[in-house]
Amino acid sequence: MPRILILTDSTNDLPAEWIRQYDIRVIPTYVHFDMESLADDGVQLTRSDFYTRLAASSILPTTAAPSVGEVLTVMEKALQDADQVVAITAAASLSGLYNTFRLAAEQTAPDRVTLIDSRMTSMGMGWQVLTAAEMAQAGASTEEIKARMLDIQPRSHVWAALDTMEYLRRSGRVSWAAAMVGGLFQIKPLIHLHDGSVGSAARVRTSHRAFETLVEIAHQAAPLERLAVLHTQNMAGARQLLDALVDIRPDSAVPIVDVTPVIGVHVGPNGLGLGVVQKNR
């Protein structure tokens, strides 16, 4: 039986124990704090360190994809260890990661690399990566894995409730005027990531109402095949959110996840969110 390994980038947000269990190969993205560049690998930069520094920094950090050479090195090692590689990246419409992986694949053995645009990030992508790894371990073919990813993608969603509009303003995603109005009226925006695009899900006035809206959204999305609770340095809120969803929890494990800096740089600290895959209806 041909061995298949899964290759991905660090924006997938899967818990480290699942990465180890399925031998998923992860290529880190980078966070730039002014002139300092740190890999999002849990060593140079942990998620906790990122959010602590984000709150204290007067200059908004930026994120960057790895180089083609870095991807090529990890991809070549994976091809030494397996017959085929399935590479799943963050949404091509939101990041340059897909193109970087594509360029690396073209320099290795393109007939042995199946490249998939997850059209998501965070656990919207993570659930695809985990499913692919489970299927690979069970003996599925690359064609079967790709078909399953295409089936999952329309049913995958990430919602995030922001504690402040400040980080969106600083990242250039909203205007000064909109941010000032949002701050004046304490507006808490909720964003929705689906099928390669980011949009507004709701705007509420209080953190309590933002929490309630996330709970309502989750119930509207049920029944769920997969569920993850997301947060940006807000573990207490994440646990409360998980408790509020006990009646719609799927049978599979429900992780609580520190969100990737790719999202966190726009959300800021104290955010809450959900990463779900809906059941086929």
C-alpha atoms as a PDB file:
ATOM      1  CA  MET A   1       0.000   0.000   0.000  1.00  0.00           C
ATOM      2  CA  PRO A   2       1.550   3.364  -1.009  1.00  0.00           C
ATOM      3  CA  ARG A   3       2.318   5.613   1.932  1.00  0.00           C
ATOM      4  CA  ILE A   4       0.810   9.104   1.817  1.00  0.00           C
ATOM      5  CA  LEU A   5       1.978  11.980   3.995  1.00  0.00           C
ATOM      6  CA  ILE A   6       0.087  15.223   4.575  1.00  0.00           C
ATOM      7  CA  LEU A   7       1.973  18.505   4.249  1.00  0.00           C
ATOM      8  CA  THR A   8       0.516  21.841   5.329  1.00  0.00           C
ATOM      9  CA  ASP A   9       1.313  25.292   6.714  1.00  0.00           C
ATOM     10  CA  SER A  10       1.118  26.510  10.297  1.00  0.00           C
ATOM     11  CA  THR A  11      -2.096  28.469   9.803  1.00  0.00           C
ATOM     12  CA  ASN A  12      -4.010  25.166  10.083  1.00  0.00           C
ATOM     13  CA  ASP A  13      -4.286  25.539  13.912  1.00  0.00           C
ATOM     14  CA  LEU A  14      -4.465  21.791  14.622  1.00  0.00           C
ATOM     15  CA  PRO A  15      -3.454  20.831  18.174  1.00  0.00           C
ATOM     16  CA  ALA A  16       0.161  19.656  18.371  1.00  0.00           C
ATOM     17  CA  GLU A  17      -0.797  16.174  19.574  1.00  0.00           C
ATOM     18  CA  TRP A  18      -2.771  15.517  16.381  1.00  0.00           C
ATOM     19  CA  ILE A  19       0.127  16.782  14.267  1.00  0.00           C
ATOM     20  CA  ARG A  20       2.407  14.268  15.995  1.00  0.00           C
ATOM     21  CA  GLN A  21      -0.105  11.416  15.933  1.00  0.00           C
ATOM     22  CA  TYR A  22      -0.551  11.552  12.163  1.00  0.00           C
ATOM     23  CA  ASP A  23       3.007  12.669  11.300  1.00  0.00           C
ATOM     24  CA  ILE A  24       1.657  15.757   9.548  1.00  0.00           C
ATOM     25  CA  ARG A  25       4.494  17.851   8.140  1.00  0.00           C
ATOM     26  CA  VAL A  26       4.007  21.549   8.946  1.00  0.00           C
ATOM     27  CA  ILE A  27       5.837  24.489   7.373  1.00  0.00           C
ATOM     28  CA  PRO A  28       5.710  27.617   9.541  1.00  0.00           C
ATOM     29  CA  THR A  29       4.605  31.018   8.405  1.00  0.00           C
ATOM     30  CA  TYR A  30       6.415  34.058   9.810  1.00  0.00           C
ATOM     31  CA  VAL A  31       5.479  36.990  12.006  1.00  0.00           C
ATOM     32  CA  HIS A  32       7.444  40.236  11.673  1.00  0.00           C
ATOM     33  CA  PHE A  33       7.627  42.522  14.698  1.00  0.00           C
ATOM     34  CA  ASP A  34       9.335  45.559  13.177  1.00  0.00           C
ATOM     35  CA  MET A  35      12.744  44.159  12.079  1.00  0.00           C
ATOM     36  CA  GLU A  36      12.417  40.838  13.951  1.00  0.00           C
ATOM     37  CA  SER A  37      11.164  37.810  12.017  1.00  0.00           C
ATOM     38  CA  LEU A  38       9.865  34.822  14.006  1.00  0.00           C
ATOM     39  CA  ALA A  39       8.599  31.444  12.790  1.00  0.00           C
ATOM     40  CA  ASP A  40       5.096  30.459  13.918  1.00  0.00           C
ATOM     41  CA  ASP A  41       6.435  27.060  14.985  1.00  0.00           C
ATOM     42  CA  GLY A  42       5.778  26.965  18.716  1.00  0.00           C
ATOM     43  CA  VAL A  43       9.519  27.370  19.375  1.00  0.00           C
ATOM     44  CA  GLN A  44      10.645  30.758  18.051  1.00  0.00           C
ATOM     45  CA  LEU A  45       7.142  32.068  18.713  1.00  0.00           C
ATOM     46  CA  THR A  46       4.322  30.486  20.674  1.00  0.00           C
ATOM     47  CA  ARG A  47       0.751  31.628  20.199  1.00  0.00           C
ATOM     48  CA  SER A  48       0.684  32.955  23.766  1.00  0.00           C
ATOM     49  CA  ASP A  49       3.858  34.971  23.148  1.00  0.00           C
ATOM     50  CA  PHE A  50       2.400  36.362  19.933  1.00  0.00           C
ATOM     51  CA  TYR A  51      -0.749  37.722  21.582  1.00  0.00           C
ATOM     52  CA  THR A  52       1.201  39.123  24.535  1.00  0.00           C
ATOM     53  CA  ARG A  53       3.519  40.979  22.168  1.00  0.00           C
ATOM     54  CA  LEU A  54       0.627  42.036  19.925  1.00  0.00           C
ATOM     55  CA  ALA A  55      -1.121  43.771  22.839  1.00  0.00           C
ATOM     56  CA  ALA A  56       2.083  45.548  23.898  1.00  0.00           C
ATOM     57  CA  SER A  57       3.377  46.548  20.462  1.00  0.00           C
ATOM     58  CA  SER A  58       2.867  50.076  19.143  1.00  0.00           C
ATOM     59  CA  ILE A  59       3.609  48.804  15.629  1.00  0.00           C
ATOM     60  CA  LEU A  60       1.250  46.229  14.165  1.00  0.00           C
ATOM     61  CA  PRO A  61       3.152  43.060  13.209  1.00  0.00           C
ATOM     62  CA  THR A  62       2.837  41.588   9.745  1.00  0.00           C
ATOM     63  CA  THR A  63       2.761  37.989   8.582  1.00  0.00           C
ATOM     64  CA  ALA A  64       4.601  36.376   5.686  1.00  0.00           C
ATOM     65  CA  ALA A  65       4.728  33.076   3.852  1.00  0.00           C
ATOM     66  CA  PRO A  66       7.837  30.887   3.976  1.00  0.00           C
ATOM     67  CA  SER A  67      10.199  30.937   1.027  1.00  0.00           C
ATOM     68  CA  VAL A  68       9.947  28.459  -1.828  1.00  0.00           C
ATOM     69  CA  GLY A  69      13.262  27.022  -0.657  1.00  0.00           C
ATOM     70  CA  GLU A  70      11.920  26.327   2.832  1.00  0.00           C
ATOM     71  CA  VAL A  71       8.843  24.590   1.440  1.00  0.00           C
ATOM     72  CA  LEU A  72      11.012  22.654  -0.998  1.00  0.00           C
ATOM     73  CA  THR A  73      13.237  21.323   1.794  1.00  0.00           C
ATOM     74  CA  VAL A  74      10.302  19.978   3.814  1.00  0.00           C
ATOM     75  CA  MET A  75       8.515  18.675   0.722  1.00  0.00           C
ATOM     76  CA  GLU A  76      11.601  16.770  -0.463  1.00  0.00           C
ATOM     77  CA  LYS A  77      11.976  15.149   2.976  1.00  0.00           C
ATOM     78  CA  ALA A  78       8.300  14.135   2.939  1.00  0.00           C
ATOM     79  CA  LEU A  79       8.775  12.579  -0.508  1.00  0.00           C
ATOM     80  CA  GLN A  80      11.718  10.599   0.841  1.00  0.00           C
ATOM     81  CA  ASP A  81       9.516   9.267   3.639  1.00  0.00           C
ATOM     82  CA  ALA A  82       6.411   8.521   1.541  1.00  0.00           C
ATOM     83  CA  ASP A  83       5.286   7.559  -1.948  1.00  0.00           C
ATOM     84  CA  GLN A  84       2.865  10.488  -2.304  1.00  0.00           C
ATOM     85  CA  VAL A  85       2.342  13.840  -0.588  1.00  0.00           C
ATOM     86  CA  VAL A  86      -0.951  15.674  -0.242  1.00  0.00           C
ATOM     87  CA  ALA A  87      -0.217  19.353   0.426  1.00  0.00           C
ATOM     88  CA  ILE A  88      -3.076  21.433   1.849  1.00  0.00           C
ATOM     89  CA  THR A  89      -2.607  25.202   2.142  1.00  0.00           C
ATOM     90  CA  ALA A  90      -4.416  28.267   3.413  1.00  0.00           C
ATOM     91  CA  ALA A  91      -6.829  29.875   0.973  1.00  0.00           C
ATOM     92  CA  ALA A  92      -5.084  31.038  -2.200  1.00  0.00           C
ATOM     93  CA  SER A  93      -7.425  34.045  -2.284  1.00  0.00           C
ATOM     94  CA  LEU A  94      -6.134  35.190   1.122  1.00  0.00           C
ATOM     95  CA  SER A  95      -2.476  34.189   1.132  1.00  0.00           C
ATOM     96  CA  GLY A  96       0.517  33.514  -1.082  1.00  0.00           C
ATOM     97  CA  LEU A  97       1.056  30.110   0.538  1.00  0.00           C
ATOM     98  CA  TYR A  98      -0.678  28.112  -2.188  1.00  0.00           C
ATOM     99  CA  ASN A  99       1.508  29.624  -4.887  1.00  0.00           C
ATOM    100  CA  THR A 100       4.653  29.040  -2.804  1.00  0.00           C
ATOM    101  CA  PHE A 101       3.753  25.362  -2.376  1.00  0.00           C
ATOM    102  CA  ARG A 102       2.971  25.116  -6.105  1.00  0.00           C
ATOM    103  CA  LEU A 103       6.367  26.481  -7.070  1.00  0.00           C
ATOM    104  CA  ALA A 104       8.073  24.069  -4.689  1.00  0.00           C
ATOM    105  CA  ALA A 105       6.108  21.099  -6.060  1.00  0.00           C
ATOM    106  CA  GLU A 106       7.154  21.977  -9.605  1.00  0.00           C
ATOM    107  CA  GLN A 107      10.806  21.673  -8.518  1.00  0.00           C
ATOM    108  CA  THR A 108      10.437  18.249  -6.919  1.00  0.00           C
ATOM    109  CA  ALA A 109       8.243  15.468  -8.279  1.00  0.00           C
ATOM    110  CA  PRO A 110       4.963  17.112  -9.330  1.00  0.00           C
ATOM    111  CA  ASP A 111       3.450  13.732 -10.234  1.00  0.00           C
ATOM    112  CA  ARG A 112       3.842  12.692  -6.580  1.00  0.00           C
ATOM    113  CA  VAL A 113       2.432  15.867  -5.008  1.00  0.00           C
ATOM    114  CA  THR A 114      -1.307  16.573  -4.844  1.00  0.00           C
ATOM    115  CA  LEU A 115      -1.810  20.265  -4.032  1.00  0.00           C
ATOM    116  CA  ILE A 116      -5.105  21.368  -2.502  1.00  0.00           C
ATOM    117  CA  ASP A 117      -6.311  24.922  -1.844  1.00  0.00           C
ATOM    118  CA  SER A 118      -8.302  24.579   1.393  1.00  0.00           C
ATOM    119  CA  ARG A 119     -10.128  27.871   0.672  1.00  0.00           C
ATOM    120  CA  MET A 120      -9.933  28.404   4.450  1.00  0.00           C
ATOM    121  CA  THR A 121      -7.507  29.009   7.277  1.00  0.00           C
ATOM    122  CA  SER A 122      -7.441  28.269  11.008  1.00  0.00           C
ATOM    123  CA  MET A 123      -9.575  25.243  11.913  1.00  0.00           C
ATOM    124  CA  GLY A 124     -11.654  25.626   8.756  1.00  0.00           C
ATOM    125  CA  MET A 125      -8.463  24.390   7.125  1.00  0.00           C
ATOM    126  CA  GLY A 126      -7.356  22.277  10.087  1.00  0.00           C
ATOM    127  CA  TRP A 127     -10.354  19.986   9.850  1.00  0.00           C
ATOM    128  CA  GLN A 128      -9.474  19.300   6.220  1.00  0.00           C
ATOM    129  CA  VAL A 129      -5.882  18.506   7.152  1.00  0.00           C
ATOM    130  CA  LEU A 130      -6.956  16.167   9.955  1.00  0.00           C
ATOM    131  CA  THR A 131      -9.484  14.373   7.753  1.00  0.00           C
ATOM    132  CA  ALA A 132      -6.865  13.912   5.034  1.00  0.00           C
ATOM    133  CA  ALA A 133      -4.403  12.495   7.580  1.00  0.00           C
ATOM    134  CA  GLU A 134      -7.020  10.107   8.963  1.00  0.00           C
ATOM    135  CA  MET A 135      -7.850   8.932   5.452  1.00  0.00           C
ATOM    136  CA  ALA A 136      -4.186   8.509   4.519  1.00  0.00           C
ATOM    137  CA  GLN A 137      -3.571   6.410   7.618  1.00  0.00           C
ATOM    138  CA  ALA A 138      -6.610   4.288   6.740  1.00  0.00           C
ATOM    139  CA  GLY A 139      -5.238   3.568   3.264  1.00  0.00           C
ATOM    140  CA  ALA A 140      -7.213   5.996   1.083  1.00  0.00           C
ATOM    141  CA  SER A 141      -5.779   7.104  -2.265  1.00  0.00           C
ATOM    142  CA  THR A 142      -4.778  10.663  -3.115  1.00  0.00           C
ATOM    143  CA  GLU A 143      -7.803  10.863  -5.433  1.00  0.00           C
ATOM    144  CA  GLU A 144     -10.135   9.827  -2.604  1.00  0.00           C
ATOM    145  CA  ILE A 145      -8.554  12.343  -0.236  1.00  0.00           C
ATOM    146  CA  LYS A 146      -8.875  15.183  -2.751  1.00  0.00           C
ATOM    147  CA  ALA A 147     -12.520  14.312  -3.430  1.00  0.00           C
ATOM    148  CA  ARG A 148     -13.261  14.397   0.293  1.00  0.00           C
ATOM    149  CA  MET A 149     -11.596  17.803   0.666  1.00  0.00           C
ATOM    150  CA  LEU A 150     -13.781  19.189  -2.115  1.00  0.00           C
ATOM    151  CA  ASP A 151     -16.811  17.745  -0.315  1.00  0.00           C
ATOM    152  CA  ILE A 152     -15.837  19.294   3.026  1.00  0.00           C
ATOM    153  CA  GLN A 153     -14.950  22.781   1.802  1.00  0.00           C
ATOM    154  CA  PRO A 154     -18.490  24.096   1.118  1.00  0.00           C
ATOM    155  CA  ARG A 155     -19.506  22.902   4.594  1.00  0.00           C
ATOM    156  CA  SER A 156     -16.587  24.576   6.396  1.00  0.00           C
ATOM    157  CA  HIS A 157     -16.907  27.891   8.236  1.00  0.00           C
ATOM    158  CA  VAL A 158     -14.908  30.061  10.616  1.00  0.00           C
ATOM    159  CA  TRP A 159     -16.620  32.797  12.624  1.00  0.00           C
ATOM    160  CA  ALA A 160     -14.752  35.259  14.842  1.00  0.00           C
ATOM    161  CA  ALA A 161     -16.061  37.835  17.314  1.00  0.00           C
ATOM    162  CA  LEU A 162     -13.670  40.763  17.789  1.00  0.00           C
ATOM    163  CA  ASP A 163     -13.298  42.547  21.104  1.00  0.00           C
ATOM    164  CA  THR A 164     -12.237  45.766  19.358  1.00  0.00           C
ATOM    165  CA  MET A 165     -12.040  47.270  15.877  1.00  0.00           C
ATOM    166  CA  GLU A 166      -8.595  48.715  16.621  1.00  0.00           C
ATOM    167  CA  TYR A 167      -6.596  45.901  15.020  1.00  0.00           C
ATOM    168  CA  LEU A 168      -8.764  45.895  11.917  1.00  0.00           C
ATOM    169  CA  ARG A 169      -8.165  49.628  11.631  1.00  0.00           C
ATOM    170  CA  ARG A 170      -4.414  49.294  12.120  1.00  0.00           C
ATOM    171  CA  SER A 171      -4.212  46.525   9.523  1.00  0.00           C
ATOM    172  CA  GLY A 172      -6.002  48.721   6.994  1.00  0.00           C
ATOM    173  CA  ARG A 173      -9.072  46.494   6.792  1.00  0.00           C
ATOM    174  CA  VAL A 174     -11.421  49.288   7.923  1.00  0.00           C
ATOM    175  CA  SER A 175     -11.122  53.056   7.666  1.00  0.00           C
ATOM    176  CA  TRP A 176     -10.215  55.421  10.505  1.00  0.00           C
ATOM    177  CA  ALA A 177     -13.735  56.815  10.452  1.00  0.00           C
ATOM    178  CA  ALA A 178     -15.368  53.401  10.733  1.00  0.00           C
ATOM    179  CA  ALA A 179     -13.049  52.443  13.586  1.00  0.00           C
ATOM    180  CA  MET A 180     -13.753  55.694  15.438  1.00  0.00           C
ATOM    181  CA  VAL A 181     -17.499  55.185  15.106  1.00  0.00           C
ATOM    182  CA  GLY A 182     -17.091  51.578  16.180  1.00  0.00           C
ATOM    183  CA  GLY A 183     -15.119  52.638  19.246  1.00  0.00           C
ATOM    184  CA  LEU A 184     -17.607  55.380  20.110  1.00  0.00           C
ATOM    185  CA  PHE A 185     -20.527  52.959  20.103  1.00  0.00           C
ATOM    186  CA  GLN A 186     -18.465  49.981  21.371  1.00  0.00           C
ATOM    187  CA  ILE A 187     -19.337  47.958  18.271  1.00  0.00           C
ATOM    188  CA  LYS A 188     -18.077  44.362  18.302  1.00  0.00           C
ATOM    189  CA  PRO A 189     -17.845  43.050  14.723  1.00  0.00           C
ATOM    190  CA  LEU A 190     -18.252  39.369  13.871  1.00  0.00           C
ATOM    191  CA  ILE A 191     -16.494  38.132  10.750  1.00  0.00           C
ATOM    192  CA  HIS A 192     -17.171  35.050   8.650  1.00  0.00           C
ATOM    193  CA  LEU A 193     -14.603  33.105   6.630  1.00  0.00           C
ATOM    194  CA  HIS A 194     -16.096  30.767   4.029  1.00  0.00           C
ATOM    195  CA  ASP A 195     -15.128  29.481   0.602  1.00  0.00           C
ATOM    196  CA  GLY A 196     -12.070  31.682   0.247  1.00  0.00           C
ATOM    197  CA  SER A 197     -13.601  35.003   1.275  1.00  0.00           C
ATOM    198  CA  VAL A 198     -14.002  37.051   4.456  1.00  0.00           C
ATOM    199  CA  GLY A 199     -17.156  39.004   5.178  1.00  0.00           C
ATOM    200  CA  SER A 200     -19.149  40.584   7.974  1.00  0.00           C
ATOM    201  CA  ALA A 201     -21.443  38.244   9.894  1.00  0.00           C
ATOM    202  CA  ALA A 202     -22.891  40.779  12.359  1.00  0.00           C
ATOM    203  CA  ARG A 203     -22.160  43.895  14.385  1.00  0.00           C
ATOM    204  CA  VAL A 204     -23.216  44.027  18.011  1.00  0.00           C
ATOM    205  CA  ARG A 205     -22.760  46.499  20.864  1.00  0.00           C
ATOM    206  CA  THR A 206     -21.413  44.374  23.727  1.00  0.00           C
ATOM    207  CA  SER A 207     -19.119  41.418  24.366  1.00  0.00           C
ATOM    208  CA  HIS A 208     -22.055  39.574  25.912  1.00  0.00           C
ATOM    209  CA  ARG A 209     -24.113  40.011  22.767  1.00  0.00           C
ATOM    210  CA  ALA A 210     -21.157  38.908  20.625  1.00  0.00           C
ATOM    211  CA  PHE A 211     -20.939  35.733  22.704  1.00  0.00           C
ATOM    212  CA  GLU A 212     -24.685  35.122  22.337  1.00  0.00           C
ATOM    213  CA  THR A 213     -24.464  35.683  18.580  1.00  0.00           C
ATOM    214  CA  LEU A 214     -21.715  33.070  18.236  1.00  0.00           C
ATOM    215  CA  VAL A 215     -23.878  30.609  20.149  1.00  0.00           C
ATOM    216  CA  GLU A 216     -26.847  31.392  17.893  1.00  0.00           C
ATOM    217  CA  ILE A 217     -24.714  31.000  14.747  1.00  0.00           C
ATOM    218  CA  ALA A 218     -23.432  27.626  15.918  1.00  0.00           C
ATOM    219  CA  HIS A 219     -26.952  26.369  16.564  1.00  0.00           C
ATOM    220  CA  GLN A 220     -28.083  27.586  13.163  1.00  0.00           C
ATOM    221  CA  ALA A 221     -25.168  25.700  11.554  1.00  0.00           C
ATOM    222  CA  ALA A 222     -25.948  22.433  13.375  1.00  0.00           C
ATOM    223  CA  PRO A 223     -25.853  19.495  13.006  1.00  0.00           C
ATOM    224  CA  LEU A 224     -22.073  19.568  13.025  1.00  0.00           C
ATOM    225  CA  GLU A 225     -19.544  17.027  11.838  1.00  0.00           C
ATOM    226  CA  ARG A 226     -16.630  18.888  13.444  1.00  0.00           C
ATOM    227  CA  LEU A 227     -16.385  21.740  15.946  1.00  0.00           C
ATOM    228  CA  ALA A 228     -13.474  23.747  17.335  1.00  0.00           C
ATOM    229  CA  VAL A 229     -13.648  26.697  19.700  1.00  0.00           C
ATOM    230  CA  LEU A 230     -11.178  29.434  18.778  1.00  0.00           C
ATOM    231  CA  HIS A 231      -9.770  32.254  20.870  1.00  0.00           C
ATOM    232  CA  THR A 232      -7.103  34.936  20.929  1.00  0.00           C
ATOM    233  CA  GLN A 233      -5.729  34.908  24.488  1.00  0.00           C
ATOM    234  CA  ASN A 234      -9.213  34.385  25.906  1.00  0.00           C
ATOM    235  CA  MET A 235      -9.255  30.863  27.345  1.00  0.00           C
ATOM    236  CA  ALA A 236     -11.935  31.668  29.933  1.00  0.00           C
ATOM    237  CA  GLY A 237     -14.304  32.897  27.230  1.00  0.00           C
ATOM    238  CA  ALA A 238     -13.493  29.872  25.061  1.00  0.00           C
ATOM    239  CA  ARG A 239     -14.421  27.473  27.855  1.00  0.00           C
ATOM    240  CA  GLN A 240     -17.679  29.305  28.439  1.00  0.00           C
ATOM    241  CA  LEU A 241     -18.435  29.108  24.716  1.00  0.00           C
ATOM    242  CA  LEU A 242     -17.750  25.372  24.666  1.00  0.00           C
ATOM    243  CA  ASP A 243     -20.095  24.903  27.629  1.00  0.00           C
ATOM    244  CA  ALA A 244     -22.808  26.854  25.795  1.00  0.00           C
ATOM    245  CA  LEU A 245     -22.583  24.457  22.833  1.00  0.00           C
ATOM    246  CA  VAL A 246     -22.812  21.196  24.765  1.00  0.00           C
ATOM    247  CA  ASP A 247     -26.179  20.348  23.180  1.00  0.00           C
ATOM    248  CA  ILE A 248     -24.786  20.438  19.620  1.00  0.00           C
ATOM    249  CA  ARG A 249     -21.307  19.003  20.197  1.00  0.00           C
ATOM    250  CA  PRO A 250     -20.402  16.375  17.615  1.00  0.00           C
ATOM    251  CA  ASP A 251     -19.195  12.936  18.675  1.00  0.00           C
ATOM    252  CA  SER A 252     -15.620  13.801  17.652  1.00  0.00           C
ATOM    253  CA  ALA A 253     -13.173  15.683  19.895  1.00  0.00           C
ATOM    254  CA  VAL A 254     -13.755  19.433  20.271  1.00  0.00           C
ATOM    255  CA  PRO A 255     -10.452  21.301  20.710  1.00  0.00           C
ATOM    256  CA  ILE A 256      -9.966  24.784  22.109  1.00  0.00           C
ATOM    257  CA  VAL A 257      -7.443  26.523  19.876  1.00  0.00           C
ATOM    258  CA  ASP A 258      -5.227  29.628  19.983  1.00  0.00           C
ATOM    259  CA  VAL A 259      -5.848  31.172  16.567  1.00  0.00           C
ATOM    260  CA  THR A 260      -3.132  31.566  13.937  1.00  0.00           C
ATOM    261  CA  PRO A 261      -1.371  34.970  13.858  1.00  0.00           C
ATOM    262  CA  VAL A 262      -2.582  35.327  10.247  1.00  0.00           C
ATOM    263  CA  ILE A 263      -6.052  35.936  11.705  1.00  0.00           C
ATOM    264  CA  GLY A 264      -4.958  37.206  15.110  1.00  0.00           C
ATOM    265  CA  VAL A 265      -3.135  40.210  13.708  1.00  0.00           C
ATOM    266  CA  HIS A 266      -6.511  41.514  12.474  1.00  0.00           C
ATOM    267  CA  VAL A 267      -8.650  40.261  15.365  1.00  0.00           C
ATOM    268  CA  GLY A 268      -6.451  41.282  18.286  1.00  0.00           C
ATOM    269  CA  PRO A 269      -6.535  39.811  21.813  1.00  0.00           C
ATOM    270  CA  ASN A 270      -9.693  38.658  23.625  1.00  0.00           C
ATOM    271  CA  GLY A 271     -11.445  37.392  20.503  1.00  0.00           C
ATOM    272  CA  LEU A 272     -13.614  34.278  20.325  1.00  0.00           C
ATOM    273  CA  GLY A 273     -14.564  32.122  17.396  1.00  0.00           C
ATOM    274  CA  LEU A 274     -15.717  28.845  15.917  1.00  0.00           C
ATOM    275  CA  GLY A 275     -14.303  26.524  13.282  1.00  0.00           C
ATOM    276  CA  VAL A 276     -16.920  24.070  12.067  1.00  0.00           C
ATOM    277  CA  VAL A 277     -17.735  21.529   9.418  1.00  0.00           C
ATOM    278  CA  GLN A 278     -21.459  21.042   8.944  1.00  0.00           C
ATOM    279  CA  LYS A 279     -22.880  17.573   8.418  1.00  0.00           C
ATOM    280  CA  ASN A 280     -24.134  16.728   4.957  1.00  0.00           C
ATOM    281  CA  ARG A 281     -27.845  17.442   4.864  1.00  0.00           C
END
